[in-house]
Structures are given as C-alpha cells and as structure tokens.
Amino acid sequence: MKYGFFDDSSQEYVIHTLHPPYTWINYLGSERFLGLISNPGGGYAFYRMLVCAV
C-alpha cells in the first residue's frame, strides 16, 4: 500500500493518509534539551540544567 510520495521540488515526503501503518517519533535534542513528538501530536520535552558539584 502506498501512503505518500517524495516530492522532488520541495524535497520532502508527502503523506496522503492520516492513518499510516506505524506511529513514528521525531526527536530534537542538544546537550540540555530533548523533545520527542509523535505523528498523532503527542510528545515530551526534557530540560536538564547542569550543576557542578565542587
């Protein structure tokens, strides 16, 4: 079954249906921040403040 296509002009994958066979998660992170966003719209965000114990 075909769920979408790759659009060469905009260089992105275009999805036709709102119900793909599997849920996927996109993540964005750095040393202090991590964000997880799923395709249905849910997600989490984590922030860590670095503390030096001397």
PDB file of N, CA and C in Angstrom:
ATOM      1  N   MET A   1       0.838  -1.180   0.000  1.00  0.00           N
ATOM      2  CA  MET A   1       0.000   0.000   0.000  1.00  0.00           C
ATOM      3  C   MET A   1       0.884   1.245   0.000  1.00  0.00           C
ATOM      4  N   LYS A   2       0.521   2.219  -0.779  1.00  0.00           N
ATOM      5  CA  LYS A   2       1.294   3.448  -0.889  1.00  0.00           C
ATOM      6  C   LYS A   2       0.678   4.519   0.015  1.00  0.00           C
ATOM      7  N   TYR A   3       1.485   5.097   0.901  1.00  0.00           N
ATOM      8  CA  TYR A   3       0.991   6.095   1.853  1.00  0.00           C
ATOM      9  C   TYR A   3       1.359   7.517   1.454  1.00  0.00           C
ATOM     10  N   GLY A   4       2.213   7.672   0.479  1.00  0.00           N
ATOM     11  CA  GLY A   4       2.611   9.002   0.062  1.00  0.00           C
ATOM     12  C   GLY A   4       3.651   8.927  -1.041  1.00  0.00           C
ATOM     13  N   PHE A   5       4.325  10.042  -1.249  1.00  0.00           N
ATOM     14  CA  PHE A   5       5.341  10.101  -2.289  1.00  0.00           C
ATOM     15  C   PHE A   5       6.383  11.143  -1.909  1.00  0.00           C
ATOM     16  N   PHE A   6       7.559  11.045  -2.498  1.00  0.00           N
ATOM     17  CA  PHE A   6       8.608  12.026  -2.286  1.00  0.00           C
ATOM     18  C   PHE A   6       8.478  13.109  -3.341  1.00  0.00           C
ATOM     19  N   ASP A   7       8.310  14.351  -2.889  1.00  0.00           N
ATOM     20  CA  ASP A   7       8.172  15.496  -3.784  1.00  0.00           C
ATOM     21  C   ASP A   7       9.559  16.080  -4.026  1.00  0.00           C
ATOM     22  N   ASP A   8      10.053  15.935  -5.261  1.00  0.00           N
ATOM     23  CA  ASP A   8      11.405  16.403  -5.590  1.00  0.00           C
ATOM     24  C   ASP A   8      11.539  17.920  -5.502  1.00  0.00           C
ATOM     25  N   SER A   9      10.497  18.650  -5.854  1.00  0.00           N
ATOM     26  CA  SER A   9      10.606  20.115  -5.859  1.00  0.00           C
ATOM     27  C   SER A   9      10.760  20.688  -4.457  1.00  0.00           C
ATOM     28  N   SER A  10      10.049  20.135  -3.466  1.00  0.00           N
ATOM     29  CA  SER A  10      10.172  20.638  -2.092  1.00  0.00           C
ATOM     30  C   SER A  10      11.074  19.762  -1.229  1.00  0.00           C
ATOM     31  N   GLN A  11      11.569  18.671  -1.784  1.00  0.00           N
ATOM     32  CA  GLN A  11      12.471  17.734  -1.106  1.00  0.00           C
ATOM     33  C   GLN A  11      11.889  17.263   0.229  1.00  0.00           C
ATOM     34  N   GLU A  12      10.658  16.756   0.179  1.00  0.00           N
ATOM     35  CA  GLU A  12      10.016  16.212   1.375  1.00  0.00           C
ATOM     36  C   GLU A  12       9.097  15.058   0.987  1.00  0.00           C
ATOM     37  N   TYR A  13       8.781  14.215   1.965  1.00  0.00           N
ATOM     38  CA  TYR A  13       7.867  13.098   1.743  1.00  0.00           C
ATOM     39  C   TYR A  13       6.458  13.572   2.090  1.00  0.00           C
ATOM     40  N   VAL A  14       5.540  13.460   1.150  1.00  0.00           N
ATOM     41  CA  VAL A  14       4.163  13.913   1.331  1.00  0.00           C
ATOM     42  C   VAL A  14       3.296  12.688   1.628  1.00  0.00           C
ATOM     43  N   ILE A  15       2.569  12.726   2.761  1.00  0.00           N
ATOM     44  CA  ILE A  15       1.723  11.610   3.183  1.00  0.00           C
ATOM     45  C   ILE A  15       0.275  11.920   2.824  1.00  0.00           C
ATOM     46  N   HIS A  16      -0.404  10.968   2.156  1.00  0.00           N
ATOM     47  CA  HIS A  16      -1.789  11.154   1.724  1.00  0.00           C
ATOM     48  C   HIS A  16      -2.792  10.796   2.807  1.00  0.00           C
ATOM     49  N   THR A  17      -2.503   9.848   3.636  1.00  0.00           N
ATOM     50  CA  THR A  17      -3.460   9.353   4.620  1.00  0.00           C
ATOM     51  C   THR A  17      -3.062   9.803   6.024  1.00  0.00           C
ATOM     52  N   LEU A  18      -4.045   9.970   6.883  1.00  0.00           N
ATOM     53  CA  LEU A  18      -3.773  10.346   8.272  1.00  0.00           C
ATOM     54  C   LEU A  18      -3.546   9.131   9.164  1.00  0.00           C
ATOM     55  N   HIS A  19      -3.669   7.939   8.593  1.00  0.00           N
ATOM     56  CA  HIS A  19      -3.526   6.711   9.374  1.00  0.00           C
ATOM     57  C   HIS A  19      -2.458   5.802   8.777  1.00  0.00           C
ATOM     58  N   PRO A  20      -1.168   6.171   8.913  1.00  0.00           N
ATOM     59  CA  PRO A  20      -0.111   5.293   8.416  1.00  0.00           C
ATOM     60  C   PRO A  20      -0.054   4.017   9.258  1.00  0.00           C
ATOM     61  N   PRO A  21       0.608   2.988   8.775  1.00  0.00           N
ATOM     62  CA  PRO A  21       0.594   1.697   9.474  1.00  0.00           C
ATOM     63  C   PRO A  21       1.307   1.715  10.830  1.00  0.00           C
ATOM     64  N   TYR A  22       2.265   2.595  11.021  1.00  0.00           N
ATOM     65  CA  TYR A  22       3.009   2.661  12.278  1.00  0.00           C
ATOM     66  C   TYR A  22       3.130   4.105  12.744  1.00  0.00           C
ATOM     67  N   THR A  23       3.161   4.276  14.042  1.00  0.00           N
ATOM     68  CA  THR A  23       3.414   5.590  14.613  1.00  0.00           C
ATOM     69  C   THR A  23       4.911   5.845  14.569  1.00  0.00           C
ATOM     70  N   TRP A  24       5.299   7.058  14.260  1.00  0.00           N
ATOM     71  CA  TRP A  24       6.722   7.399  14.295  1.00  0.00           C
ATOM     72  C   TRP A  24       6.930   8.577  15.231  1.00  0.00           C
ATOM     73  N   ILE A  25       8.161   8.731  15.674  1.00  0.00           N
ATOM     74  CA  ILE A  25       8.521   9.800  16.604  1.00  0.00           C
ATOM     75  C   ILE A  25       9.692  10.572  16.018  1.00  0.00           C
ATOM     76  N   ASN A  26       9.559  11.874  15.996  1.00  0.00           N
ATOM     77  CA  ASN A  26      10.660  12.759  15.622  1.00  0.00           C
ATOM     78  C   ASN A  26      11.282  13.277  16.914  1.00  0.00           C
ATOM     79  N   TYR A  27      12.580  13.440  16.917  1.00  0.00           N
ATOM     80  CA  TYR A  27      13.228  13.950  18.115  1.00  0.00           C
ATOM     81  C   TYR A  27      14.161  15.094  17.764  1.00  0.00           C
ATOM     82  N   LEU A  28      14.294  15.986  18.719  1.00  0.00           N
ATOM     83  CA  LEU A  28      15.126  17.162  18.578  1.00  0.00           C
ATOM     84  C   LEU A  28      15.879  17.318  19.881  1.00  0.00           C
ATOM     85  N   GLY A  29      17.200  17.431  19.816  1.00  0.00           N
ATOM     86  CA  GLY A  29      17.929  17.495  21.066  1.00  0.00           C
ATOM     87  C   GLY A  29      19.241  18.220  20.988  1.00  0.00           C
ATOM     88  N   SER A  30      19.704  18.578  22.148  1.00  0.00           N
ATOM     89  CA  SER A  30      21.021  19.173  22.325  1.00  0.00           C
ATOM     90  C   SER A  30      21.557  18.628  23.649  1.00  0.00           C
ATOM     91  N   GLU A  31      22.609  19.232  24.164  1.00  0.00           N
ATOM     92  CA  GLU A  31      23.178  18.739  25.425  1.00  0.00           C
ATOM     93  C   GLU A  31      22.233  18.935  26.601  1.00  0.00           C
ATOM     94  N   ARG A  32      21.380  19.948  26.542  1.00  0.00           N
ATOM     95  CA  ARG A  32      20.498  20.251  27.671  1.00  0.00           C
ATOM     96  C   ARG A  32      19.016  20.005  27.405  1.00  0.00           C
ATOM     97  N   PHE A  33      18.626  19.877  26.163  1.00  0.00           N
ATOM     98  CA  PHE A  33      17.202  19.767  25.829  1.00  0.00           C
ATOM     99  C   PHE A  33      16.954  18.557  24.946  1.00  0.00           C
ATOM    100  N   LEU A  34      15.816  17.882  25.175  1.00  0.00           N
ATOM    101  CA  LEU A  34      15.376  16.789  24.315  1.00  0.00           C
ATOM    102  C   LEU A  34      13.869  16.904  24.142  1.00  0.00           C
ATOM    103  N   GLY A  35      13.415  16.913  22.906  1.00  0.00           N
ATOM    104  CA  GLY A  35      11.990  16.931  22.611  1.00  0.00           C
ATOM    105  C   GLY A  35      11.625  15.752  21.736  1.00  0.00           C
ATOM    106  N   LEU A  36      10.516  15.070  22.061  1.00  0.00           N
ATOM    107  CA  LEU A  36      10.010  13.927  21.300  1.00  0.00           C
ATOM    108  C   LEU A  36       8.593  14.257  20.859  1.00  0.00           C
ATOM    109  N   ILE A  37       8.314  14.153  19.558  1.00  0.00           N
ATOM    110  CA  ILE A  37       6.996  14.470  19.021  1.00  0.00           C
ATOM    111  C   ILE A  37       6.548  13.317  18.145  1.00  0.00           C
ATOM    112  N   SER A  38       5.363  12.768  18.413  1.00  0.00           N
ATOM    113  CA  SER A  38       4.846  11.663  17.607  1.00  0.00           C
ATOM    114  C   SER A  38       3.915  12.204  16.526  1.00  0.00           C
ATOM    115  N   ASN A  39       3.657  11.401  15.500  1.00  0.00           N
ATOM    116  CA  ASN A  39       2.817  11.875  14.396  1.00  0.00           C
ATOM    117  C   ASN A  39       1.371  12.147  14.804  1.00  0.00           C
ATOM    118  N   PRO A  40       0.784  11.497  15.838  1.00  0.00           N
ATOM    119  CA  PRO A  40      -0.569  11.898  16.252  1.00  0.00           C
ATOM    120  C   PRO A  40      -0.604  13.238  16.999  1.00  0.00           C
ATOM    121  N   GLY A  41       0.558  13.767  17.383  1.00  0.00           N
ATOM    122  CA  GLY A  41       0.597  15.080  18.027  1.00  0.00           C
ATOM    123  C   GLY A  41       1.040  15.065  19.467  1.00  0.00           C
ATOM    124  N   GLY A  42       1.242  13.909  20.064  1.00  0.00           N
ATOM    125  CA  GLY A  42       1.716  13.844  21.445  1.00  0.00           C
ATOM    126  C   GLY A  42       3.220  13.997  21.514  1.00  0.00           C
ATOM    127  N   GLY A  43       3.714  14.214  22.721  1.00  0.00           N
ATOM    128  CA  GLY A  43       5.159  14.332  22.844  1.00  0.00           C
ATOM    129  C   GLY A  43       5.610  14.649  24.246  1.00  0.00           C
ATOM    130  N   TYR A  44       6.899  14.734  24.413  1.00  0.00           N
ATOM    131  CA  TYR A  44       7.530  15.048  25.692  1.00  0.00           C
ATOM    132  C   TYR A  44       8.653  16.041  25.440  1.00  0.00           C
ATOM    133  N   ALA A  45       8.974  16.792  26.482  1.00  0.00           N
ATOM    134  CA  ALA A  45      10.124  17.690  26.433  1.00  0.00           C
ATOM    135  C   ALA A  45      10.880  17.551  27.744  1.00  0.00           C
ATOM    136  N   PHE A  46      12.196  17.452  27.644  1.00  0.00           N
ATOM    137  CA  PHE A  46      13.054  17.319  28.819  1.00  0.00           C
ATOM    138  C   PHE A  46      14.116  18.404  28.775  1.00  0.00           C
ATOM    139  N   TYR A  47      14.356  19.013  29.919  1.00  0.00           N
ATOM    140  CA  TYR A  47      15.395  20.025  30.026  1.00  0.00           C
ATOM    141  C   TYR A  47      16.234  19.697  31.242  1.00  0.00           C
ATOM    142  N   ARG A  48      17.529  19.740  31.088  1.00  0.00           N
ATOM    143  CA  ARG A  48      18.419  19.421  32.193  1.00  0.00           C
ATOM    144  C   ARG A  48      19.361  20.596  32.402  1.00  0.00           C
ATOM    145  N   MET A  49      19.309  21.127  33.608  1.00  0.00           N
ATOM    146  CA  MET A  49      20.203  22.211  33.966  1.00  0.00           C
ATOM    147  C   MET A  49      21.453  21.592  34.577  1.00  0.00           C
ATOM    148  N   LEU A  50      22.591  21.882  34.002  1.00  0.00           N
ATOM    149  CA  LEU A  50      23.834  21.315  34.502  1.00  0.00           C
ATOM    150  C   LEU A  50      24.275  22.023  35.768  1.00  0.00           C
ATOM    151  N   VAL A  51      24.544  21.242  36.797  1.00  0.00           N
ATOM    152  CA  VAL A  51      25.008  21.791  38.068  1.00  0.00           C
ATOM    153  C   VAL A  51      26.340  21.150  38.390  1.00  0.00           C
ATOM    154  N   CYS A  52      27.346  21.971  38.669  1.00  0.00           N
ATOM    155  CA  CYS A  52      28.673  21.466  39.032  1.00  0.00           C
ATOM    156  C   CYS A  52      28.772  21.338  40.548  1.00  0.00           C
ATOM    157  N   ALA A  53      29.068  20.160  41.002  1.00  0.00           N
ATOM    158  CA  ALA A  53      29.304  19.951  42.430  1.00  0.00           C
ATOM    159  C   ALA A  53      30.805  20.010  42.663  1.00  0.00           C
ATOM    160  N   VAL A  54      31.228  21.007  43.386  1.00  0.00           N
ATOM    161  CA  VAL A  54      32.660  21.174  43.636  1.00  0.00           C
ATOM    162  C   VAL A  54      32.963  20.904  45.086  1.00  0.00           C
TER     163      VAL A  54
END
